[in-house]
Amino acid sequence: LILGYRDSLFLQNEFKKHGTLYVATEDGSYGTEGNV
């Protein structure tokens, strides 16, 4: 599950129950800096 956010994050906890989660944020504040 690869989710990309510009700033605020949501629904990550729900997604974690159903697969391996990877997150990208534009500013690098969480997960990978950049895009999906």
ModelCIF file with pLDDT and N, C-alpha, C, O atoms, coordinates in Angstrom:
data_MODEL
#
_entry.id   MODEL 
#
_entity.id                         1 
_entity.type                       polymer 
_entity.pdbx_number_of_molecules   1 
#
_entity_poly.entity_id                      1 
_entity_poly.type                           'polypeptide(L)' 
_entity_poly.nstd_linkage                   no 
_entity_poly.nstd_monomer                   no 
_entity_poly.pdbx_seq_one_letter_code       LILGYRDSLFLQNEFKKHGTLYVATEDGSYGTEGNV 
_entity_poly.pdbx_seq_one_letter_code_can   LILGYRDSLFLQNEFKKHGTLYVATEDGSYGTEGNV 
_entity_poly.pdbx_strand_id                 A 
#
loop_
_entity_poly_seq.entity_id 
_entity_poly_seq.num 
_entity_poly_seq.mon_id 
_entity_poly_seq.hetero 
1 1  LEU n 
1 2  ILE n 
1 3  LEU n 
1 4  GLY n 
1 5  TYR n 
1 6  ARG n 
1 7  ASP n 
1 8  SER n 
1 9  LEU n 
1 10 PHE n 
1 11 LEU n 
1 12 GLN n 
1 13 ASN n 
1 14 GLU n 
1 15 PHE n 
1 16 LYS n 
1 17 LYS n 
1 18 HIS n 
1 19 GLY n 
1 20 THR n 
1 21 LEU n 
1 22 TYR n 
1 23 VAL n 
1 24 ALA n 
1 25 THR n 
1 26 GLU n 
1 27 ASP n 
1 28 GLY n 
1 29 SER n 
1 30 TYR n 
1 31 GLY n 
1 32 THR n 
1 33 GLU n 
1 34 GLY n 
1 35 ASN n 
1 36 VAL n 
#
_struct_asym.id          A 
_struct_asym.entity_id   1 
#
loop_
_ma_qa_metric.id 
_ma_qa_metric.mode 
_ma_qa_metric.name 
_ma_qa_metric.software_group_id 
_ma_qa_metric.type 
1 global pLDDT . pLDDT 
2 local  pLDDT . pLDDT 
#
_ma_qa_metric_global.metric_id      1 
_ma_qa_metric_global.metric_value   94.94 
_ma_qa_metric_global.model_id       1 
_ma_qa_metric_global.ordinal_id     1 
#
loop_
_ma_qa_metric_local.label_asym_id 
_ma_qa_metric_local.label_comp_id 
_ma_qa_metric_local.label_seq_id 
_ma_qa_metric_local.metric_id 
_ma_qa_metric_local.metric_value 
_ma_qa_metric_local.model_id 
_ma_qa_metric_local.ordinal_id 
A LEU 1  2 98.00 1 1  
A ILE 2  2 98.00 1 2  
A LEU 3  2 98.00 1 3  
A GLY 4  2 97.00 1 4  
A TYR 5  2 96.00 1 5  
A ARG 6  2 90.00 1 6  
A ASP 7  2 77.00 1 7  
A SER 8  2 83.00 1 8  
A LEU 9  2 93.00 1 9  
A PHE 10 2 96.00 1 10 
A LEU 11 2 97.00 1 11 
A GLN 12 2 96.00 1 12 
A ASN 13 2 96.00 1 13 
A GLU 14 2 97.00 1 14 
A PHE 15 2 98.00 1 15 
A LYS 16 2 97.00 1 16 
A LYS 17 2 97.00 1 17 
A HIS 18 2 97.00 1 18 
A GLY 19 2 97.00 1 19 
A THR 20 2 98.00 1 20 
A LEU 21 2 98.00 1 21 
A TYR 22 2 98.00 1 22 
A VAL 23 2 97.00 1 23 
A ALA 24 2 97.00 1 24 
A THR 25 2 96.00 1 25 
A GLU 26 2 92.00 1 26 
A ASP 27 2 90.00 1 27 
A GLY 28 2 91.00 1 28 
A SER 29 2 92.00 1 29 
A TYR 30 2 93.00 1 30 
A GLY 31 2 95.00 1 31 
A THR 32 2 96.00 1 32 
A GLU 33 2 96.00 1 33 
A GLY 34 2 96.00 1 34 
A ASN 35 2 97.00 1 35 
A VAL 36 2 98.00 1 36 
#
loop_
_atom_site.group_PDB 
_atom_site.id 
_atom_site.type_symbol 
_atom_site.label_atom_id 
_atom_site.label_alt_id 
_atom_site.label_comp_id 
_atom_site.label_asym_id 
_atom_site.label_entity_id 
_atom_site.label_seq_id 
_atom_site.pdbx_PDB_ins_code 
_atom_site.Cartn_x 
_atom_site.Cartn_y 
_atom_site.Cartn_z 
_atom_site.occupancy 
_atom_site.B_iso_or_equiv 
_atom_site.pdbx_formal_charge 
_atom_site.auth_seq_id 
_atom_site.auth_comp_id 
_atom_site.auth_asym_id 
_atom_site.auth_atom_id 
_atom_site.pdbx_PDB_model_num 
ATOM 1   N N  . LEU A 1 1  ? 0.853  -1.180 0.000  1.00 98.00 ? 1  LEU A N  1 
ATOM 2   C CA . LEU A 1 1  ? 0.000  0.000  0.000  1.00 98.00 ? 1  LEU A CA 1 
ATOM 3   C C  . LEU A 1 1  ? 0.891  1.233  0.000  1.00 98.00 ? 1  LEU A C  1 
ATOM 4   O O  . LEU A 1 1  ? 1.573  1.503  0.988  1.00 98.00 ? 1  LEU A O  1 
ATOM 5   N N  . ILE A 1 2  ? 0.891  1.977  -1.088 1.00 98.00 ? 2  ILE A N  1 
ATOM 6   C CA . ILE A 1 2  ? 1.771  3.128  -1.226 1.00 98.00 ? 2  ILE A CA 1 
ATOM 7   C C  . ILE A 1 2  ? 0.906  4.382  -1.280 1.00 98.00 ? 2  ILE A C  1 
ATOM 8   O O  . ILE A 1 2  ? 0.196  4.614  -2.259 1.00 98.00 ? 2  ILE A O  1 
ATOM 9   N N  . LEU A 1 3  ? 0.969  5.189  -0.222 1.00 98.00 ? 3  LEU A N  1 
ATOM 10  C CA . LEU A 1 3  ? 0.095  6.351  -0.087 1.00 98.00 ? 3  LEU A CA 1 
ATOM 11  C C  . LEU A 1 3  ? 0.915  7.628  -0.106 1.00 98.00 ? 3  LEU A C  1 
ATOM 12  O O  . LEU A 1 3  ? 1.922  7.741  0.592  1.00 98.00 ? 3  LEU A O  1 
ATOM 13  N N  . GLY A 1 4  ? 0.481  8.583  -0.905 1.00 97.00 ? 4  GLY A N  1 
ATOM 14  C CA . GLY A 1 4  ? 1.184  9.849  -1.015 1.00 97.00 ? 4  GLY A CA 1 
ATOM 15  C C  . GLY A 1 4  ? 0.353  11.001 -0.483 1.00 97.00 ? 4  GLY A C  1 
ATOM 16  O O  . GLY A 1 4  ? -0.843 11.100 -0.755 1.00 97.00 ? 4  GLY A O  1 
ATOM 17  N N  . TYR A 1 5  ? 1.004  11.873 0.283  1.00 96.00 ? 5  TYR A N  1 
ATOM 18  C CA . TYR A 1 5  ? 0.313  13.018 0.880  1.00 96.00 ? 5  TYR A CA 1 
ATOM 19  C C  . TYR A 1 5  ? 1.126  14.286 0.655  1.00 96.00 ? 5  TYR A C  1 
ATOM 20  O O  . TYR A 1 5  ? 2.356  14.258 0.630  1.00 96.00 ? 5  TYR A O  1 
ATOM 21  N N  . ARG A 1 6  ? 0.413  15.399 0.492  1.00 90.00 ? 6  ARG A N  1 
ATOM 22  C CA . ARG A 1 6  ? 1.099  16.680 0.381  1.00 90.00 ? 6  ARG A CA 1 
ATOM 23  C C  . ARG A 1 6  ? 1.517  17.164 1.769  1.00 90.00 ? 6  ARG A C  1 
ATOM 24  O O  . ARG A 1 6  ? 2.655  17.587 1.970  1.00 90.00 ? 6  ARG A O  1 
ATOM 25  N N  . ASP A 1 7  ? 0.581  17.097 2.729  1.00 77.00 ? 7  ASP A N  1 
ATOM 26  C CA . ASP A 1 7  ? 0.891  17.569 4.079  1.00 77.00 ? 7  ASP A CA 1 
ATOM 27  C C  . ASP A 1 7  ? 0.259  16.649 5.119  1.00 77.00 ? 7  ASP A C  1 
ATOM 28  O O  . ASP A 1 7  ? 0.929  15.761 5.646  1.00 77.00 ? 7  ASP A O  1 
ATOM 29  N N  . SER A 1 8  ? -1.041 16.854 5.424  1.00 83.00 ? 8  SER A N  1 
ATOM 30  C CA . SER A 1 8  ? -1.680 16.083 6.486  1.00 83.00 ? 8  SER A CA 1 
ATOM 31  C C  . SER A 1 8  ? -1.933 14.637 6.065  1.00 83.00 ? 8  SER A C  1 
ATOM 32  O O  . SER A 1 8  ? -2.299 14.361 4.923  1.00 83.00 ? 8  SER A O  1 
ATOM 33  N N  . LEU A 1 9  ? -1.728 13.716 7.017  1.00 93.00 ? 9  LEU A N  1 
ATOM 34  C CA . LEU A 1 9  ? -1.914 12.287 6.788  1.00 93.00 ? 9  LEU A CA 1 
ATOM 35  C C  . LEU A 1 9  ? -3.244 11.837 7.376  1.00 93.00 ? 9  LEU A C  1 
ATOM 36  O O  . LEU A 1 9  ? -3.739 12.416 8.343  1.00 93.00 ? 9  LEU A O  1 
ATOM 37  N N  . PHE A 1 10 ? -3.818 10.784 6.772  1.00 96.00 ? 10 PHE A N  1 
ATOM 38  C CA . PHE A 1 10 ? -5.043 10.198 7.319  1.00 96.00 ? 10 PHE A CA 1 
ATOM 39  C C  . PHE A 1 10 ? -5.186 8.771  6.804  1.00 96.00 ? 10 PHE A C  1 
ATOM 40  O O  . PHE A 1 10 ? -4.684 8.428  5.733  1.00 96.00 ? 10 PHE A O  1 
ATOM 41  N N  . LEU A 1 11 ? -5.877 7.948  7.582  1.00 97.00 ? 11 LEU A N  1 
ATOM 42  C CA . LEU A 1 11 ? -6.224 6.555  7.272  1.00 97.00 ? 11 LEU A CA 1 
ATOM 43  C C  . LEU A 1 11 ? -5.050 5.571  7.311  1.00 97.00 ? 11 LEU A C  1 
ATOM 44  O O  . LEU A 1 11 ? -5.231 4.401  6.976  1.00 97.00 ? 11 LEU A O  1 
ATOM 45  N N  . GLN A 1 12 ? -3.837 6.020  7.714  1.00 96.00 ? 12 GLN A N  1 
ATOM 46  C CA . GLN A 1 12 ? -2.714 5.067  7.712  1.00 96.00 ? 12 GLN A CA 1 
ATOM 47  C C  . GLN A 1 12 ? -2.968 3.876  8.631  1.00 96.00 ? 12 GLN A C  1 
ATOM 48  O O  . GLN A 1 12 ? -2.654 2.741  8.272  1.00 96.00 ? 12 GLN A O  1 
ATOM 49  N N  . ASN A 1 13 ? -3.533 4.122  9.812  1.00 96.00 ? 13 ASN A N  1 
ATOM 50  C CA . ASN A 1 13 ? -3.751 3.019  10.757 1.00 96.00 ? 13 ASN A CA 1 
ATOM 51  C C  . ASN A 1 13 ? -4.710 1.982  10.190 1.00 96.00 ? 13 ASN A C  1 
ATOM 52  O O  . ASN A 1 13 ? -4.524 0.785  10.408 1.00 96.00 ? 13 ASN A O  1 
ATOM 53  N N  . GLU A 1 14 ? -5.729 2.424  9.469  1.00 97.00 ? 14 GLU A N  1 
ATOM 54  C CA . GLU A 1 14 ? -6.673 1.483  8.858  1.00 97.00 ? 14 GLU A CA 1 
ATOM 55  C C  . GLU A 1 14 ? -5.984 0.654  7.781  1.00 97.00 ? 14 GLU A C  1 
ATOM 56  O O  . GLU A 1 14 ? -6.196 -0.556 7.700  1.00 97.00 ? 14 GLU A O  1 
ATOM 57  N N  . PHE A 1 15 ? -5.160 1.298  6.952  1.00 98.00 ? 15 PHE A N  1 
ATOM 58  C CA . PHE A 1 15 ? -4.485 0.582  5.875  1.00 98.00 ? 15 PHE A CA 1 
ATOM 59  C C  . PHE A 1 15 ? -3.480 -0.435 6.414  1.00 98.00 ? 15 PHE A C  1 
ATOM 60  O O  . PHE A 1 15 ? -3.306 -1.500 5.821  1.00 98.00 ? 15 PHE A O  1 
ATOM 61  N N  . LYS A 1 16 ? -2.823 -0.125 7.517  1.00 97.00 ? 16 LYS A N  1 
ATOM 62  C CA . LYS A 1 16 ? -1.811 -1.030 8.070  1.00 97.00 ? 16 LYS A CA 1 
ATOM 63  C C  . LYS A 1 16 ? -2.368 -2.411 8.386  1.00 97.00 ? 16 LYS A C  1 
ATOM 64  O O  . LYS A 1 16 ? -1.620 -3.389 8.406  1.00 97.00 ? 16 LYS A O  1 
ATOM 65  N N  . LYS A 1 17 ? -3.667 -2.503 8.631  1.00 97.00 ? 17 LYS A N  1 
ATOM 66  C CA . LYS A 1 17 ? -4.294 -3.781 8.966  1.00 97.00 ? 17 LYS A CA 1 
ATOM 67  C C  . LYS A 1 17 ? -4.435 -4.702 7.754  1.00 97.00 ? 17 LYS A C  1 
ATOM 68  O O  . LYS A 1 17 ? -4.723 -5.889 7.911  1.00 97.00 ? 17 LYS A O  1 
ATOM 69  N N  . HIS A 1 18 ? -4.234 -4.167 6.547  1.00 97.00 ? 18 HIS A N  1 
ATOM 70  C CA . HIS A 1 18 ? -4.584 -4.927 5.348  1.00 97.00 ? 18 HIS A CA 1 
ATOM 71  C C  . HIS A 1 18 ? -3.444 -5.061 4.348  1.00 97.00 ? 18 HIS A C  1 
ATOM 72  O O  . HIS A 1 18 ? -3.681 -5.451 3.205  1.00 97.00 ? 18 HIS A O  1 
ATOM 73  N N  . GLY A 1 19 ? -2.229 -4.753 4.740  1.00 97.00 ? 19 GLY A N  1 
ATOM 74  C CA . GLY A 1 19 ? -1.095 -4.900 3.835  1.00 97.00 ? 19 GLY A CA 1 
ATOM 75  C C  . GLY A 1 19 ? 0.116  -4.182 4.388  1.00 97.00 ? 19 GLY A C  1 
ATOM 76  O O  . GLY A 1 19 ? 0.071  -3.633 5.489  1.00 97.00 ? 19 GLY A O  1 
ATOM 77  N N  . THR A 1 20 ? 1.198  -4.184 3.628  1.00 98.00 ? 20 THR A N  1 
ATOM 78  C CA . THR A 1 20 ? 2.414  -3.491 4.038  1.00 98.00 ? 20 THR A CA 1 
ATOM 79  C C  . THR A 1 20 ? 2.337  -2.051 3.552  1.00 98.00 ? 20 THR A C  1 
ATOM 80  O O  . THR A 1 20 ? 2.169  -1.795 2.360  1.00 98.00 ? 20 THR A O  1 
ATOM 81  N N  . LEU A 1 21 ? 2.463  -1.113 4.491  1.00 98.00 ? 21 LEU A N  1 
ATOM 82  C CA . LEU A 1 21 ? 2.228  0.296  4.181  1.00 98.00 ? 21 LEU A CA 1 
ATOM 83  C C  . LEU A 1 21 ? 3.535  1.042  3.942  1.00 98.00 ? 21 LEU A C  1 
ATOM 84  O O  . LEU A 1 21 ? 4.500  0.899  4.692  1.00 98.00 ? 21 LEU A O  1 
ATOM 85  N N  . TYR A 1 22 ? 3.540  1.845  2.874  1.00 98.00 ? 22 TYR A N  1 
ATOM 86  C CA . TYR A 1 22 ? 4.636  2.765  2.576  1.00 98.00 ? 22 TYR A CA 1 
ATOM 87  C C  . TYR A 1 22 ? 4.019  4.144  2.330  1.00 98.00 ? 22 TYR A C  1 
ATOM 88  O O  . TYR A 1 22 ? 3.010  4.267  1.637  1.00 98.00 ? 22 TYR A O  1 
ATOM 89  N N  . VAL A 1 23 ? 4.628  5.163  2.897  1.00 97.00 ? 23 VAL A N  1 
ATOM 90  C CA . VAL A 1 23 ? 4.085  6.523  2.782  1.00 97.00 ? 23 VAL A CA 1 
ATOM 91  C C  . VAL A 1 23 ? 5.122  7.444  2.164  1.00 97.00 ? 23 VAL A C  1 
ATOM 92  O O  . VAL A 1 23 ? 6.312  7.346  2.461  1.00 97.00 ? 23 VAL A O  1 
ATOM 93  N N  . ALA A 1 24 ? 4.663  8.334  1.307  1.00 97.00 ? 24 ALA A N  1 
ATOM 94  C CA . ALA A 1 24 ? 5.511  9.385  0.737  1.00 97.00 ? 24 ALA A CA 1 
ATOM 95  C C  . ALA A 1 24 ? 4.877  10.735 1.047  1.00 97.00 ? 24 ALA A C  1 
ATOM 96  O O  . ALA A 1 24 ? 3.666  10.905 0.905  1.00 97.00 ? 24 ALA A O  1 
ATOM 97  N N  . THR A 1 25 ? 5.691  11.690 1.467  1.00 96.00 ? 25 THR A N  1 
ATOM 98  C CA . THR A 1 25 ? 5.224  13.059 1.679  1.00 96.00 ? 25 THR A CA 1 
ATOM 99  C C  . THR A 1 25 ? 6.133  14.006 0.916  1.00 96.00 ? 25 THR A C  1 
ATOM 100 O O  . THR A 1 25 ? 7.335  13.769 0.795  1.00 96.00 ? 25 THR A O  1 
ATOM 101 N N  . GLU A 1 26 ? 5.554  15.074 0.405  1.00 92.00 ? 26 GLU A N  1 
ATOM 102 C CA . GLU A 1 26 ? 6.322  16.006 -0.415 1.00 92.00 ? 26 GLU A CA 1 
ATOM 103 C C  . GLU A 1 26 ? 7.483  16.630 0.359  1.00 92.00 ? 26 GLU A C  1 
ATOM 104 O O  . GLU A 1 26 ? 8.560  16.858 -0.193 1.00 92.00 ? 26 GLU A O  1 
ATOM 105 N N  . ASP A 1 27 ? 7.250  16.905 1.651  1.00 90.00 ? 27 ASP A N  1 
ATOM 106 C CA . ASP A 1 27 ? 8.297  17.570 2.431  1.00 90.00 ? 27 ASP A CA 1 
ATOM 107 C C  . ASP A 1 27 ? 9.172  16.600 3.226  1.00 90.00 ? 27 ASP A C  1 
ATOM 108 O O  . ASP A 1 27 ? 10.088 17.022 3.932  1.00 90.00 ? 27 ASP A O  1 
ATOM 109 N N  . GLY A 1 28 ? 8.889  15.295 3.110  1.00 91.00 ? 28 GLY A N  1 
ATOM 110 C CA . GLY A 1 28 ? 9.698  14.317 3.823  1.00 91.00 ? 28 GLY A CA 1 
ATOM 111 C C  . GLY A 1 28 ? 9.418  14.237 5.309  1.00 91.00 ? 28 GLY A C  1 
ATOM 112 O O  . GLY A 1 28 ? 10.193 13.635 6.052  1.00 91.00 ? 28 GLY A O  1 
ATOM 113 N N  . SER A 1 29 ? 8.320  14.834 5.756  1.00 92.00 ? 29 SER A N  1 
ATOM 114 C CA . SER A 1 29 ? 8.002  14.823 7.191  1.00 92.00 ? 29 SER A CA 1 
ATOM 115 C C  . SER A 1 29 ? 7.604  13.433 7.676  1.00 92.00 ? 29 SER A C  1 
ATOM 116 O O  . SER A 1 29 ? 7.653  13.156 8.875  1.00 92.00 ? 29 SER A O  1 
ATOM 117 N N  . TYR A 1 30 ? 7.211  12.564 6.757  1.00 93.00 ? 30 TYR A N  1 
ATOM 118 C CA . TYR A 1 30 ? 6.842  11.189 7.125  1.00 93.00 ? 30 TYR A CA 1 
ATOM 119 C C  . TYR A 1 30 ? 7.167  10.299 5.940  1.00 93.00 ? 30 TYR A C  1 
ATOM 120 O O  . TYR A 1 30 ? 6.843  10.637 4.801  1.00 93.00 ? 30 TYR A O  1 
ATOM 121 N N  . GLY A 1 31 ? 7.802  9.166  6.195  1.00 95.00 ? 31 GLY A N  1 
ATOM 122 C CA . GLY A 1 31 ? 8.104  8.216  5.130  1.00 95.00 ? 31 GLY A CA 1 
ATOM 123 C C  . GLY A 1 31 ? 9.113  8.763  4.137  1.00 95.00 ? 31 GLY A C  1 
ATOM 124 O O  . GLY A 1 31 ? 10.033 9.492  4.506  1.00 95.00 ? 31 GLY A O  1 
ATOM 125 N N  . THR A 1 32 ? 8.933  8.406  2.880  1.00 96.00 ? 32 THR A N  1 
ATOM 126 C CA . THR A 1 32 ? 9.834  8.825  1.807  1.00 96.00 ? 32 THR A CA 1 
ATOM 127 C C  . THR A 1 32 ? 9.585  10.282 1.427  1.00 96.00 ? 32 THR A C  1 
ATOM 128 O O  . THR A 1 32 ? 8.435  10.702 1.302  1.00 96.00 ? 32 THR A O  1 
ATOM 129 N N  . GLU A 1 33 ? 10.632 11.035 1.248  1.00 96.00 ? 33 GLU A N  1 
ATOM 130 C CA . GLU A 1 33 ? 10.471 12.395 0.733  1.00 96.00 ? 33 GLU A CA 1 
ATOM 131 C C  . GLU A 1 33 ? 10.287 12.313 -0.780 1.00 96.00 ? 33 GLU A C  1 
ATOM 132 O O  . GLU A 1 33 ? 11.136 11.773 -1.488 1.00 96.00 ? 33 GLU A O  1 
ATOM 133 N N  . GLY A 1 34 ? 9.169  12.854 -1.268 1.00 96.00 ? 34 GLY A N  1 
ATOM 134 C CA . GLY A 1 34 ? 8.893  12.791 -2.696 1.00 96.00 ? 34 GLY A CA 1 
ATOM 135 C C  . GLY A 1 34 ? 7.501  12.257 -2.963 1.00 96.00 ? 34 GLY A C  1 
ATOM 136 O O  . GLY A 1 34 ? 6.561  12.527 -2.215 1.00 96.00 ? 34 GLY A O  1 
ATOM 137 N N  . ASN A 1 35 ? 7.380  11.484 -4.055 1.00 97.00 ? 35 ASN A N  1 
ATOM 138 C CA . ASN A 1 35 ? 6.069  10.977 -4.451 1.00 97.00 ? 35 ASN A CA 1 
ATOM 139 C C  . ASN A 1 35 ? 5.990  9.458  -4.304 1.00 97.00 ? 35 ASN A C  1 
ATOM 140 O O  . ASN A 1 35 ? 6.923  8.819  -3.818 1.00 97.00 ? 35 ASN A O  1 
ATOM 141 N N  . VAL A 1 36 ? 4.864  8.894  -4.729 1.00 98.00 ? 36 VAL A N  1 
ATOM 142 C CA . VAL A 1 36 ? 4.629  7.457  -4.533 1.00 98.00 ? 36 VAL A CA 1 
ATOM 143 C C  . VAL A 1 36 ? 5.640  6.602  -5.295 1.00 98.00 ? 36 VAL A C  1 
ATOM 144 O O  . VAL A 1 36 ? 5.580  5.374  -5.235 1.00 98.00 ? 36 VAL A O  1 
#
